Amino acid sequence: MPYIRLSVTQKLSQEKQEELVNGIGEALSIIPGKDGRGLIVDMEDGKTMFVGGVKQDNMVFADVKYYSNFEYHIKKDFTVAVFNAINKSLGVPKERMFLTITEYNNWGGFGDFKDEFYSEP
């Protein structure tokens, strides 16, 4: 059950939001045991963002949180796939995309706390 907060400077139509979420869901398949079925996306479009004090007109920041820990190469491949999905959906240049990953060993969902994640309640 990954949770991803997307901060996007562009104002997106519902269609573009869904296209972007679907692309990121596909990118999740790179991570063992993850896919778009449990993906939670918190979409914040039309954001005002600055880098080095300069307002950015076409930028995306993705904050990814998920259960478990994965090797460097998996995180790298996932990051590249997310950037490709963003670029394909929104045309944001790769140098205007940023992503953080936070991994958790504990996760609650479906009204319970588990020390290992499950896909069904």
PDB file of N, CA and C in Angstrom:
ATOM      1  N   MET A   1       0.841  -1.176   0.000  1.00  0.00           N
ATOM      2  CA  MET A   1       0.000   0.000   0.000  1.00  0.00           C
ATOM      3  C   MET A   1       0.887   1.241   0.000  1.00  0.00           C
ATOM      4  N   PRO A   2       1.496   1.557  -1.104  1.00  0.00           N
ATOM      5  CA  PRO A   2       2.276   2.797  -1.143  1.00  0.00           C
ATOM      6  C   PRO A   2       1.371   4.027  -1.054  1.00  0.00           C
ATOM      7  N   TYR A   3       1.892   5.059  -0.412  1.00  0.00           N
ATOM      8  CA  TYR A   3       1.241   6.364  -0.349  1.00  0.00           C
ATOM      9  C   TYR A   3       2.179   7.337  -1.045  1.00  0.00           C
ATOM     10  N   ILE A   4       1.653   8.058  -2.019  1.00  0.00           N
ATOM     11  CA  ILE A   4       2.468   9.024  -2.755  1.00  0.00           C
ATOM     12  C   ILE A   4       1.764  10.361  -2.758  1.00  0.00           C
ATOM     13  N   ARG A   5       2.454  11.375  -2.268  1.00  0.00           N
ATOM     14  CA  ARG A   5       1.946  12.742  -2.356  1.00  0.00           C
ATOM     15  C   ARG A   5       2.638  13.396  -3.553  1.00  0.00           C
ATOM     16  N   LEU A   6       1.837  13.811  -4.518  1.00  0.00           N
ATOM     17  CA  LEU A   6       2.350  14.484  -5.709  1.00  0.00           C
ATOM     18  C   LEU A   6       2.025  15.962  -5.630  1.00  0.00           C
ATOM     19  N   SER A   7       3.040  16.781  -5.643  1.00  0.00           N
ATOM     20  CA  SER A   7       2.866  18.231  -5.718  1.00  0.00           C
ATOM     21  C   SER A   7       3.248  18.652  -7.124  1.00  0.00           C
ATOM     22  N   VAL A   8       2.293  19.263  -7.830  1.00  0.00           N
ATOM     23  CA  VAL A   8       2.444  19.585  -9.245  1.00  0.00           C
ATOM     24  C   VAL A   8       2.119  21.062  -9.449  1.00  0.00           C
ATOM     25  N   THR A   9       2.955  21.772 -10.182  1.00  0.00           N
ATOM     26  CA  THR A   9       2.670  23.192 -10.426  1.00  0.00           C
ATOM     27  C   THR A   9       1.551  23.382 -11.440  1.00  0.00           C
ATOM     28  N   GLN A  10       1.397  22.440 -12.368  1.00  0.00           N
ATOM     29  CA  GLN A  10       0.330  22.545 -13.364  1.00  0.00           C
ATOM     30  C   GLN A  10      -1.031  22.273 -12.719  1.00  0.00           C
ATOM     31  N   LYS A  11      -2.066  22.911 -13.233  1.00  0.00           N
ATOM     32  CA  LYS A  11      -3.436  22.570 -12.870  1.00  0.00           C
ATOM     33  C   LYS A  11      -3.859  21.460 -13.827  1.00  0.00           C
ATOM     34  N   LEU A  12      -4.278  20.312 -13.268  1.00  0.00           N
ATOM     35  CA  LEU A  12      -4.541  19.129 -14.088  1.00  0.00           C
ATOM     36  C   LEU A  12      -6.029  18.831 -14.205  1.00  0.00           C
ATOM     37  N   SER A  13      -6.422  18.405 -15.384  1.00  0.00           N
ATOM     38  CA  SER A  13      -7.784  17.906 -15.575  1.00  0.00           C
ATOM     39  C   SER A  13      -7.903  16.551 -14.882  1.00  0.00           C
ATOM     40  N   GLN A  14      -9.122  16.116 -14.665  1.00  0.00           N
ATOM     41  CA  GLN A  14      -9.359  14.798 -14.075  1.00  0.00           C
ATOM     42  C   GLN A  14      -8.713  13.707 -14.929  1.00  0.00           C
ATOM     43  N   GLU A  15      -8.803  13.863 -16.237  1.00  0.00           N
ATOM     44  CA  GLU A  15      -8.209  12.899 -17.164  1.00  0.00           C
ATOM     45  C   GLU A  15      -6.695  12.820 -16.989  1.00  0.00           C
ATOM     46  N   LYS A  16      -6.034  13.967 -16.876  1.00  0.00           N
ATOM     47  CA  LYS A  16      -4.573  14.000 -16.693  1.00  0.00           C
ATOM     48  C   LYS A  16      -4.185  13.424 -15.341  1.00  0.00           C
ATOM     49  N   GLN A  17      -4.980  13.706 -14.308  1.00  0.00           N
ATOM     50  CA  GLN A  17      -4.700  13.142 -12.990  1.00  0.00           C
ATOM     51  C   GLN A  17      -4.743  11.615 -13.052  1.00  0.00           C
ATOM     52  N   GLU A  18      -5.787  11.080 -13.675  1.00  0.00           N
ATOM     53  CA  GLU A  18      -5.930   9.633 -13.778  1.00  0.00           C
ATOM     54  C   GLU A  18      -4.814   9.015 -14.613  1.00  0.00           C
ATOM     55  N   GLU A  19      -4.442   9.663 -15.697  1.00  0.00           N
ATOM     56  CA  GLU A  19      -3.345   9.174 -16.542  1.00  0.00           C
ATOM     57  C   GLU A  19      -2.045   9.114 -15.738  1.00  0.00           C
ATOM     58  N   LEU A  20      -1.782  10.154 -14.965  1.00  0.00           N
ATOM     59  CA  LEU A  20      -0.573  10.214 -14.153  1.00  0.00           C
ATOM     60  C   LEU A  20      -0.586   9.130 -13.075  1.00  0.00           C
ATOM     61  N   VAL A  21      -1.694   8.985 -12.383  1.00  0.00           N
ATOM     62  CA  VAL A  21      -1.808   7.963 -11.334  1.00  0.00           C
ATOM     63  C   VAL A  21      -1.646   6.564 -11.931  1.00  0.00           C
ATOM     64  N   ASN A  22      -2.245   6.309 -13.077  1.00  0.00           N
ATOM     65  CA  ASN A  22      -2.101   5.005 -13.730  1.00  0.00           C
ATOM     66  C   ASN A  22      -0.650   4.730 -14.126  1.00  0.00           C
ATOM     67  N   GLY A  23       0.036   5.750 -14.628  1.00  0.00           N
ATOM     68  CA  GLY A  23       1.447   5.596 -14.997  1.00  0.00           C
ATOM     69  C   GLY A  23       2.318   5.287 -13.792  1.00  0.00           C
ATOM     70  N   ILE A  24       2.032   5.936 -12.683  1.00  0.00           N
ATOM     71  CA  ILE A  24       2.794   5.671 -11.461  1.00  0.00           C
ATOM     72  C   ILE A  24       2.451   4.281 -10.922  1.00  0.00           C
ATOM     73  N   GLY A  25       1.188   3.893 -11.050  1.00  0.00           N
ATOM     74  CA  GLY A  25       0.795   2.538 -10.652  1.00  0.00           C
ATOM     75  C   GLY A  25       1.552   1.487 -11.429  1.00  0.00           C
ATOM     76  N   GLU A  26       1.756   1.725 -12.717  1.00  0.00           N
ATOM     77  CA  GLU A  26       2.540   0.797 -13.535  1.00  0.00           C
ATOM     78  C   GLU A  26       3.993   0.766 -13.084  1.00  0.00           C
ATOM     79  N   ALA A  27       4.534   1.926 -12.717  1.00  0.00           N
ATOM     80  CA  ALA A  27       5.921   1.995 -12.252  1.00  0.00           C
ATOM     81  C   ALA A  27       6.120   1.188 -10.975  1.00  0.00           C
ATOM     82  N   LEU A  28       5.088   1.078 -10.164  1.00  0.00           N
ATOM     83  CA  LEU A  28       5.191   0.336  -8.908  1.00  0.00           C
ATOM     84  C   LEU A  28       5.505  -1.139  -9.120  1.00  0.00           C
ATOM     85  N   SER A  29       5.161  -1.671 -10.286  1.00  0.00           N
ATOM     86  CA  SER A  29       5.405  -3.092 -10.538  1.00  0.00           C
ATOM     87  C   SER A  29       6.901  -3.422 -10.506  1.00  0.00           C
ATOM     88  N   ILE A  30       7.747  -2.425 -10.561  1.00  0.00           N
ATOM     89  CA  ILE A  30       9.190  -2.622 -10.459  1.00  0.00           C
ATOM     90  C   ILE A  30       9.573  -3.068  -9.049  1.00  0.00           C
ATOM     91  N   ILE A  31       8.787  -2.643  -8.059  1.00  0.00           N
ATOM     92  CA  ILE A  31       9.064  -2.980  -6.666  1.00  0.00           C
ATOM     93  C   ILE A  31       8.386  -4.317  -6.351  1.00  0.00           C
ATOM     94  N   PRO A  32       9.135  -5.311  -5.907  1.00  0.00           N
ATOM     95  CA  PRO A  32       8.544  -6.624  -5.617  1.00  0.00           C
ATOM     96  C   PRO A  32       7.369  -6.522  -4.636  1.00  0.00           C
ATOM     97  N   GLY A  33       6.250  -7.127  -5.020  1.00  0.00           N
ATOM     98  CA  GLY A  33       5.073  -7.153  -4.167  1.00  0.00           C
ATOM     99  C   GLY A  33       4.213  -5.909  -4.226  1.00  0.00           C
ATOM    100  N   LYS A  34       4.581  -4.930  -5.039  1.00  0.00           N
ATOM    101  CA  LYS A  34       3.808  -3.687  -5.124  1.00  0.00           C
ATOM    102  C   LYS A  34       3.158  -3.581  -6.503  1.00  0.00           C
ATOM    103  N   ASP A  35       1.997  -2.964  -6.532  1.00  0.00           N
ATOM    104  CA  ASP A  35       1.337  -2.656  -7.796  1.00  0.00           C
ATOM    105  C   ASP A  35       0.336  -1.540  -7.554  1.00  0.00           C
ATOM    106  N   GLY A  36      -0.349  -1.124  -8.582  1.00  0.00           N
ATOM    107  CA  GLY A  36      -1.262   0.003  -8.495  1.00  0.00           C
ATOM    108  C   GLY A  36      -2.552  -0.267  -7.746  1.00  0.00           C
ATOM    109  N   ARG A  37      -2.860  -1.519  -7.421  1.00  0.00           N
ATOM    110  CA  ARG A  37      -4.135  -1.839  -6.761  1.00  0.00           C
ATOM    111  C   ARG A  37      -4.261  -1.205  -5.378  1.00  0.00           C
ATOM    112  N   GLY A  38      -3.161  -1.142  -4.633  1.00  0.00           N
ATOM    113  CA  GLY A  38      -3.214  -0.574  -3.287  1.00  0.00           C
ATOM    114  C   GLY A  38      -2.667   0.836  -3.205  1.00  0.00           C
ATOM    115  N   LEU A  39      -2.355   1.430  -4.343  1.00  0.00           N
ATOM    116  CA  LEU A  39      -1.728   2.750  -4.376  1.00  0.00           C
ATOM    117  C   LEU A  39      -2.670   3.840  -3.884  1.00  0.00           C
ATOM    118  N   ILE A  40      -2.173   4.648  -2.953  1.00  0.00           N
ATOM    119  CA  ILE A  40      -2.887   5.841  -2.491  1.00  0.00           C
ATOM    120  C   ILE A  40      -2.111   7.040  -3.007  1.00  0.00           C
ATOM    121  N   VAL A  41      -2.776   7.918  -3.753  1.00  0.00           N
ATOM    122  CA  VAL A  41      -2.136   9.117  -4.270  1.00  0.00           C
ATOM    123  C   VAL A  41      -2.855  10.341  -3.731  1.00  0.00           C
ATOM    124  N   ASP A  42      -2.101  11.232  -3.150  1.00  0.00           N
ATOM    125  CA  ASP A  42      -2.593  12.518  -2.671  1.00  0.00           C
ATOM    126  C   ASP A  42      -2.117  13.551  -3.687  1.00  0.00           C
ATOM    127  N   MET A  43      -3.011  13.963  -4.571  1.00  0.00           N
ATOM    128  CA  MET A  43      -2.662  14.847  -5.684  1.00  0.00           C
ATOM    129  C   MET A  43      -2.888  16.298  -5.285  1.00  0.00           C
ATOM    130  N   GLU A  44      -1.828  17.079  -5.355  1.00  0.00           N
ATOM    131  CA  GLU A  44      -1.908  18.517  -5.100  1.00  0.00           C
ATOM    132  C   GLU A  44      -1.454  19.229  -6.375  1.00  0.00           C
ATOM    133  N   ASP A  45      -2.408  19.632  -7.191  1.00  0.00           N
ATOM    134  CA  ASP A  45      -2.033  20.313  -8.428  1.00  0.00           C
ATOM    135  C   ASP A  45      -2.229  21.818  -8.271  1.00  0.00           C
ATOM    136  N   GLY A  46      -1.688  22.568  -9.221  1.00  0.00           N
ATOM    137  CA  GLY A  46      -1.785  24.022  -9.168  1.00  0.00           C
ATOM    138  C   GLY A  46      -0.972  24.629  -8.036  1.00  0.00           C
ATOM    139  N   LYS A  47       0.071  23.930  -7.587  1.00  0.00           N
ATOM    140  CA  LYS A  47       0.898  24.386  -6.472  1.00  0.00           C
ATOM    141  C   LYS A  47       1.873  25.468  -6.917  1.00  0.00           C
ATOM    142  N   THR A  48       2.237  26.327  -5.992  1.00  0.00           N
ATOM    143  CA  THR A  48       3.307  27.291  -6.212  1.00  0.00           C
ATOM    144  C   THR A  48       4.550  26.728  -5.554  1.00  0.00           C
ATOM    145  N   MET A  49       5.610  26.533  -6.336  1.00  0.00           N
ATOM    146  CA  MET A  49       6.855  25.981  -5.811  1.00  0.00           C
ATOM    147  C   MET A  49       8.028  26.843  -6.258  1.00  0.00           C
ATOM    148  N   PHE A  50       9.014  26.903  -5.380  1.00  0.00           N
ATOM    149  CA  PHE A  50      10.220  27.679  -5.628  1.00  0.00           C
ATOM    150  C   PHE A  50      11.436  26.768  -5.476  1.00  0.00           C
ATOM    151  N   VAL A  51      12.456  26.997  -6.275  1.00  0.00           N
ATOM    152  CA  VAL A  51      13.750  26.343  -6.127  1.00  0.00           C
ATOM    153  C   VAL A  51      14.790  27.456  -6.115  1.00  0.00           C
ATOM    154  N   GLY A  52      15.555  27.521  -5.040  1.00  0.00           N
ATOM    155  CA  GLY A  52      16.579  28.558  -4.930  1.00  0.00           C
ATOM    156  C   GLY A  52      16.000  29.959  -4.982  1.00  0.00           C
ATOM    157  N   GLY A  53      14.771  30.120  -4.504  1.00  0.00           N
ATOM    158  CA  GLY A  53      14.128  31.417  -4.492  1.00  0.00           C
ATOM    159  C   GLY A  53      13.469  31.810  -5.802  1.00  0.00           C
ATOM    160  N   VAL A  54      13.509  30.919  -6.785  1.00  0.00           N
ATOM    161  CA  VAL A  54      12.938  31.210  -8.100  1.00  0.00           C
ATOM    162  C   VAL A  54      11.671  30.373  -8.287  1.00  0.00           C
ATOM    163  N   LYS A  55      10.573  31.044  -8.608  1.00  0.00           N
ATOM    164  CA  LYS A  55       9.313  30.351  -8.830  1.00  0.00           C
ATOM    165  C   LYS A  55       9.418  29.450 -10.058  1.00  0.00           C
ATOM    166  N   GLN A  56       8.896  28.225  -9.913  1.00  0.00           N
ATOM    167  CA  GLN A  56       8.938  27.234 -10.984  1.00  0.00           C
ATOM    168  C   GLN A  56       7.554  27.087 -11.604  1.00  0.00           C
ATOM    169  N   ASP A  57       7.503  27.068 -12.925  1.00  0.00           N
ATOM    170  CA  ASP A  57       6.225  26.965 -13.616  1.00  0.00           C
ATOM    171  C   ASP A  57       5.867  25.544 -14.024  1.00  0.00           C
ATOM    172  N   ASN A  58       6.828  24.657 -14.088  1.00  0.00           N
ATOM    173  CA  ASN A  58       6.570  23.299 -14.574  1.00  0.00           C
ATOM    174  C   ASN A  58       7.428  22.332 -13.775  1.00  0.00           C
ATOM    175  N   MET A  59       6.918  21.946 -12.589  1.00  0.00           N
ATOM    176  CA  MET A  59       7.716  21.151 -11.670  1.00  0.00           C
ATOM    177  C   MET A  59       6.818  20.149 -10.948  1.00  0.00           C
ATOM    178  N   VAL A  60       7.402  19.017 -10.551  1.00  0.00           N
ATOM    179  CA  VAL A  60       6.693  17.992  -9.789  1.00  0.00           C
ATOM    180  C   VAL A  60       7.608  17.501  -8.668  1.00  0.00           C
ATOM    181  N   PHE A  61       7.016  17.334  -7.486  1.00  0.00           N
ATOM    182  CA  PHE A  61       7.712  16.711  -6.359  1.00  0.00           C
ATOM    183  C   PHE A  61       6.871  15.535  -5.895  1.00  0.00           C
ATOM    184  N   ALA A  62       7.473  14.355  -5.846  1.00  0.00           N
ATOM    185  CA  ALA A  62       6.781  13.144  -5.396  1.00  0.00           C
ATOM    186  C   ALA A  62       7.403  12.680  -4.079  1.00  0.00           C
ATOM    187  N   ASP A  63       6.572  12.522  -3.073  1.00  0.00           N
ATOM    188  CA  ASP A  63       6.996  12.013  -1.774  1.00  0.00           C
ATOM    189  C   ASP A  63       6.378  10.628  -1.617  1.00  0.00           C
ATOM    190  N   VAL A  64       7.208   9.595  -1.684  1.00  0.00           N
ATOM    191  CA  VAL A  64       6.760   8.207  -1.708  1.00  0.00           C
ATOM    192  C   VAL A  64       7.005   7.571  -0.342  1.00  0.00           C
ATOM    193  N   LYS A  65       5.968   6.920   0.186  1.00  0.00           N
ATOM    194  CA  LYS A  65       6.086   6.190   1.448  1.00  0.00           C
ATOM    195  C   LYS A  65       5.531   4.787   1.220  1.00  0.00           C
ATOM    196  N   TYR A  66       6.299   3.779   1.619  1.00  0.00           N
ATOM    197  CA  TYR A  66       5.792   2.427   1.469  1.00  0.00           C
ATOM    198  C   TYR A  66       6.345   1.506   2.540  1.00  0.00           C
ATOM    199  N   TYR A  67       5.672   0.363   2.693  1.00  0.00           N
ATOM    200  CA  TYR A  67       6.060  -0.659   3.644  1.00  0.00           C
ATOM    201  C   TYR A  67       7.150  -1.528   3.047  1.00  0.00           C
ATOM    202  N   SER A  68       8.207  -1.759   3.790  1.00  0.00           N
ATOM    203  CA  SER A  68       9.303  -2.653   3.459  1.00  0.00           C
ATOM    204  C   SER A  68      10.531  -1.863   3.019  1.00  0.00           C
ATOM    205  N   ASN A  69      11.613  -2.581   2.813  1.00  0.00           N
ATOM    206  CA  ASN A  69      12.875  -1.978   2.378  1.00  0.00           C
ATOM    207  C   ASN A  69      13.355  -2.719   1.137  1.00  0.00           C
ATOM    208  N   PHE A  70      13.890  -1.962   0.198  1.00  0.00           N
ATOM    209  CA  PHE A  70      14.343  -2.564  -1.049  1.00  0.00           C
ATOM    210  C   PHE A  70      15.747  -2.095  -1.382  1.00  0.00           C
ATOM    211  N   GLU A  71      16.408  -2.898  -2.179  1.00  0.00           N
ATOM    212  CA  GLU A  71      17.779  -2.602  -2.581  1.00  0.00           C
ATOM    213  C   GLU A  71      17.836  -1.338  -3.444  1.00  0.00           C
ATOM    214  N   TYR A  72      19.027  -0.754  -3.456  1.00  0.00           N
ATOM    215  CA  TYR A  72      19.277   0.493  -4.183  1.00  0.00           C
ATOM    216  C   TYR A  72      18.807   0.402  -5.637  1.00  0.00           C
ATOM    217  N   HIS A  73      19.172  -0.658  -6.347  1.00  0.00           N
ATOM    218  CA  HIS A  73      18.842  -0.741  -7.774  1.00  0.00           C
ATOM    219  C   HIS A  73      17.326  -0.757  -8.010  1.00  0.00           C
ATOM    220  N   ILE A  74      16.568  -1.322  -7.092  1.00  0.00           N
ATOM    221  CA  ILE A  74      15.106  -1.324  -7.231  1.00  0.00           C
ATOM    222  C   ILE A  74      14.568   0.091  -7.046  1.00  0.00           C
ATOM    223  N   LYS A  75      15.075   0.799  -6.028  1.00  0.00           N
ATOM    224  CA  LYS A  75      14.649   2.189  -5.809  1.00  0.00           C
ATOM    225  C   LYS A  75      15.028   3.068  -7.002  1.00  0.00           C
ATOM    226  N   LYS A  76      16.208   2.848  -7.543  1.00  0.00           N
ATOM    227  CA  LYS A  76      16.656   3.630  -8.697  1.00  0.00           C
ATOM    228  C   LYS A  76      15.761   3.373  -9.908  1.00  0.00           C
ATOM    229  N   ASP A  77      15.494   2.103 -10.200  1.00  0.00           N
ATOM    230  CA  ASP A  77      14.638   1.760 -11.344  1.00  0.00           C
ATOM    231  C   ASP A  77      13.225   2.312 -11.161  1.00  0.00           C
ATOM    232  N   PHE A  78      12.693   2.227  -9.940  1.00  0.00           N
ATOM    233  CA  PHE A  78      11.371   2.771  -9.643  1.00  0.00           C
ATOM    234  C   PHE A  78      11.350   4.287  -9.852  1.00  0.00           C
ATOM    235  N   THR A  79      12.374   4.972  -9.356  1.00  0.00           N
ATOM    236  CA  THR A  79      12.454   6.429  -9.507  1.00  0.00           C
ATOM    237  C   THR A  79      12.464   6.829 -10.974  1.00  0.00           C
ATOM    238  N   VAL A  80      13.268   6.151 -11.777  1.00  0.00           N
ATOM    239  CA  VAL A  80      13.332   6.445 -13.214  1.00  0.00           C
ATOM    240  C   VAL A  80      11.974   6.186 -13.860  1.00  0.00           C
ATOM    241  N   ALA A  81      11.296   5.098 -13.489  1.00  0.00           N
ATOM    242  CA  ALA A  81       9.985   4.786 -14.067  1.00  0.00           C
ATOM    243  C   ALA A  81       8.946   5.840 -13.684  1.00  0.00           C
ATOM    244  N   VAL A  82       8.989   6.337 -12.455  1.00  0.00           N
ATOM    245  CA  VAL A  82       8.071   7.404 -12.038  1.00  0.00           C
ATOM    246  C   VAL A  82       8.354   8.668 -12.845  1.00  0.00           C
ATOM    247  N   PHE A  83       9.619   9.028 -12.976  1.00  0.00           N
ATOM    248  CA  PHE A  83       9.965  10.216 -13.762  1.00  0.00           C
ATOM    249  C   PHE A  83       9.509  10.069 -15.210  1.00  0.00           C
ATOM    250  N   ASN A  84       9.649   8.877 -15.774  1.00  0.00           N
ATOM    251  CA  ASN A  84       9.186   8.648 -17.146  1.00  0.00           C
ATOM    252  C   ASN A  84       7.669   8.809 -17.244  1.00  0.00           C
ATOM    253  N   ALA A  85       6.925   8.307 -16.244  1.00  0.00           N
ATOM    254  CA  ALA A  85       5.461   8.437 -16.244  1.00  0.00           C
ATOM    255  C   ALA A  85       5.045   9.901 -16.146  1.00  0.00           C
ATOM    256  N   ILE A  86       5.738  10.659 -15.311  1.00  0.00           N
ATOM    257  CA  ILE A  86       5.431  12.092 -15.166  1.00  0.00           C
ATOM    258  C   ILE A  86       5.712  12.822 -16.474  1.00  0.00           C
ATOM    259  N   ASN A  87       6.871  12.540 -17.060  1.00  0.00           N
ATOM    260  CA  ASN A  87       7.232  13.188 -18.316  1.00  0.00           C
ATOM    261  C   ASN A  87       6.249  12.846 -19.421  1.00  0.00           C
ATOM    262  N   LYS A  88       5.856  11.578 -19.501  1.00  0.00           N
ATOM    263  CA  LYS A  88       4.916  11.147 -20.542  1.00  0.00           C
ATOM    264  C   LYS A  88       3.544  11.802 -20.356  1.00  0.00           C
ATOM    265  N   SER A  89       3.056  11.860 -19.126  1.00  0.00           N
ATOM    266  CA  SER A  89       1.724  12.411 -18.865  1.00  0.00           C
ATOM    267  C   SER A  89       1.673  13.929 -18.920  1.00  0.00           C
ATOM    268  N   LEU A  90       2.691  14.573 -18.358  1.00  0.00           N
ATOM    269  CA  LEU A  90       2.629  16.019 -18.170  1.00  0.00           C
ATOM    270  C   LEU A  90       3.652  16.820 -18.974  1.00  0.00           C
ATOM    271  N   GLY A  91       4.637  16.139 -19.547  1.00  0.00           N
ATOM    272  CA  GLY A  91       5.658  16.847 -20.306  1.00  0.00           C
ATOM    273  C   GLY A  91       6.635  17.625 -19.436  1.00  0.00           C
ATOM    274  N   VAL A  92       6.670  17.341 -18.151  1.00  0.00           N
ATOM    275  CA  VAL A  92       7.602  18.027 -17.250  1.00  0.00           C
ATOM    276  C   VAL A  92       9.007  17.510 -17.557  1.00  0.00           C
ATOM    277  N   PRO A  93       9.959  18.430 -17.770  1.00  0.00           N
ATOM    278  CA  PRO A  93      11.322  17.971 -18.031  1.00  0.00           C
ATOM    279  C   PRO A  93      11.898  17.264 -16.807  1.00  0.00           C
ATOM    280  N   LYS A  94      12.725  16.267 -17.038  1.00  0.00           N
ATOM    281  CA  LYS A  94      13.255  15.462 -15.941  1.00  0.00           C
ATOM    282  C   LYS A  94      14.071  16.282 -14.946  1.00  0.00           C
ATOM    283  N   GLU A  95      14.660  17.368 -15.389  1.00  0.00           N
ATOM    284  CA  GLU A  95      15.424  18.200 -14.449  1.00  0.00           C
ATOM    285  C   GLU A  95      14.520  19.051 -13.556  1.00  0.00           C
ATOM    286  N   ARG A  96      13.202  18.962 -13.742  1.00  0.00           N
ATOM    287  CA  ARG A  96      12.229  19.689 -12.919  1.00  0.00           C
ATOM    288  C   ARG A  96      11.378  18.709 -12.092  1.00  0.00           C
ATOM    289  N   MET A  97      11.892  17.476 -11.919  1.00  0.00           N
ATOM    290  CA  MET A  97      11.197  16.463 -11.124  1.00  0.00           C
ATOM    291  C   MET A  97      12.068  16.058  -9.943  1.00  0.00           C
ATOM    292  N   PHE A  98      11.412  15.859  -8.812  1.00  0.00           N
ATOM    293  CA  PHE A  98      12.116  15.459  -7.595  1.00  0.00           C
ATOM    294  C   PHE A  98      11.298  14.381  -6.903  1.00  0.00           C
ATOM    295  N   LEU A  99      11.989  13.470  -6.186  1.00  0.00           N
ATOM    296  CA  LEU A  99      11.300  12.361  -5.544  1.00  0.00           C
ATOM    297  C   LEU A  99      12.062  11.955  -4.288  1.00  0.00           C
ATOM    298  N   THR A 100      11.323  11.714  -3.221  1.00  0.00           N
ATOM    299  CA  THR A 100      11.890  11.139  -2.006  1.00  0.00           C
ATOM    300  C   THR A 100      11.190   9.814  -1.735  1.00  0.00           C
ATOM    301  N   ILE A 101      11.907   8.912  -1.077  1.00  0.00           N
ATOM    302  CA  ILE A 101      11.342   7.625  -0.690  1.00  0.00           C
ATOM    303  C   ILE A 101      11.573   7.439   0.805  1.00  0.00           C
ATOM    304  N   THR A 102      10.500   7.121   1.518  1.00  0.00           N
ATOM    305  CA  THR A 102      10.585   6.762   2.930  1.00  0.00           C
ATOM    306  C   THR A 102      10.042   5.356   3.071  1.00  0.00           C
ATOM    307  N   GLU A 103      10.835   4.491   3.687  1.00  0.00           N
ATOM    308  CA  GLU A 103      10.443   3.095   3.867  1.00  0.00           C
ATOM    309  C   GLU A 103      10.082   2.854   5.332  1.00  0.00           C
ATOM    310  N   TYR A 104       8.989   2.121   5.537  1.00  0.00           N
ATOM    311  CA  TYR A 104       8.509   1.820   6.877  1.00  0.00           C
ATOM    312  C   TYR A 104       8.502   0.318   7.106  1.00  0.00           C
ATOM    313  N   ASN A 105       8.808  -0.085   8.331  1.00  0.00           N
ATOM    314  CA  ASN A 105       8.729  -1.489   8.701  1.00  0.00           C
ATOM    315  C   ASN A 105       7.408  -1.817   9.381  1.00  0.00           C
ATOM    316  N   ASN A 106       6.610  -0.812   9.645  1.00  0.00           N
ATOM    317  CA  ASN A 106       5.307  -0.980  10.278  1.00  0.00           C
ATOM    318  C   ASN A 106       4.276  -0.198   9.483  1.00  0.00           C
ATOM    319  N   TRP A 107       3.091  -0.764   9.351  1.00  0.00           N
ATOM    320  CA  TRP A 107       2.051  -0.105   8.566  1.00  0.00           C
ATOM    321  C   TRP A 107       0.696  -0.569   9.079  1.00  0.00           C
ATOM    322  N   GLY A 108      -0.237   0.328   9.182  1.00  0.00           N
ATOM    323  CA  GLY A 108      -1.598  -0.022   9.556  1.00  0.00           C
ATOM    324  C   GLY A 108      -2.526   0.211   8.380  1.00  0.00           C
ATOM    325  N   GLY A 109      -3.565  -0.575   8.307  1.00  0.00           N
ATOM    326  CA  GLY A 109      -4.558  -0.419   7.255  1.00  0.00           C
ATOM    327  C   GLY A 109      -5.737  -1.329   7.501  1.00  0.00           C
ATOM    328  N   PHE A 110      -6.843  -1.006   6.898  1.00  0.00           N
ATOM    329  CA  PHE A 110      -8.049  -1.823   7.008  1.00  0.00           C
ATOM    330  C   PHE A 110      -8.471  -1.990   8.464  1.00  0.00           C
ATOM    331  N   GLY A 111      -8.209  -0.951   9.283  1.00  0.00           N
ATOM    332  CA  GLY A 111      -8.637  -0.951  10.675  1.00  0.00           C
ATOM    333  C   GLY A 111      -7.773  -1.759  11.617  1.00  0.00           C
ATOM    334  N   ASP A 112      -6.549  -2.109  11.200  1.00  0.00           N
ATOM    335  CA  ASP A 112      -5.701  -2.936  12.039  1.00  0.00           C
ATOM    336  C   ASP A 112      -4.250  -2.541  11.815  1.00  0.00           C
ATOM    337  N   PHE A 113      -3.386  -3.014  12.688  1.00  0.00           N
ATOM    338  CA  PHE A 113      -1.952  -2.812  12.565  1.00  0.00           C
ATOM    339  C   PHE A 113      -1.310  -4.169  12.358  1.00  0.00           C
ATOM    340  N   LYS A 114      -0.460  -4.244  11.389  1.00  0.00           N
ATOM    341  CA  LYS A 114       0.234  -5.498  11.091  1.00  0.00           C
ATOM    342  C   LYS A 114       1.722  -5.240  11.026  1.00  0.00           C
ATOM    343  N   ASP A 115       2.508  -6.251  11.389  1.00  0.00           N
ATOM    344  CA  ASP A 115       3.943  -6.102  11.227  1.00  0.00           C
ATOM    345  C   ASP A 115       4.397  -6.599   9.862  1.00  0.00           C
ATOM    346  N   GLU A 116       3.489  -7.137   9.104  1.00  0.00           N
ATOM    347  CA  GLU A 116       3.754  -7.419   7.702  1.00  0.00           C
ATOM    348  C   GLU A 116       2.508  -7.016   6.926  1.00  0.00           C
ATOM    349  N   PHE A 117       2.702  -6.444   5.782  1.00  0.00           N
ATOM    350  CA  PHE A 117       1.565  -5.887   5.051  1.00  0.00           C
ATOM    351  C   PHE A 117       0.776  -6.978   4.349  1.00  0.00           C
ATOM    352  N   TYR A 118      -0.467  -6.744   4.221  1.00  0.00           N
ATOM    353  CA  TYR A 118      -1.353  -7.665   3.554  1.00  0.00           C
ATOM    354  C   TYR A 118      -2.204  -6.879   2.560  1.00  0.00           C
ATOM    355  N   SER A 119      -2.663  -7.540   1.507  1.00  0.00           N
ATOM    356  CA  SER A 119      -3.418  -6.828   0.476  1.00  0.00           C
ATOM    357  C   SER A 119      -4.925  -6.921   0.681  1.00  0.00           C
ATOM    358  N   GLU A 120      -5.377  -7.828   1.506  1.00  0.00           N
ATOM    359  CA  GLU A 120      -6.812  -7.999   1.748  1.00  0.00           C
ATOM    360  C   GLU A 120      -7.092  -7.803   3.231  1.00  0.00           C
ATOM    361  N   PRO A 121      -8.222  -7.188   3.581  1.00  0.00           N
ATOM    362  CA  PRO A 121      -8.560  -7.026   5.002  1.00  0.00           C
ATOM    363  C   PRO A 121      -8.859  -8.360   5.669  1.00  0.00           C
TER     364      PRO A 121
END
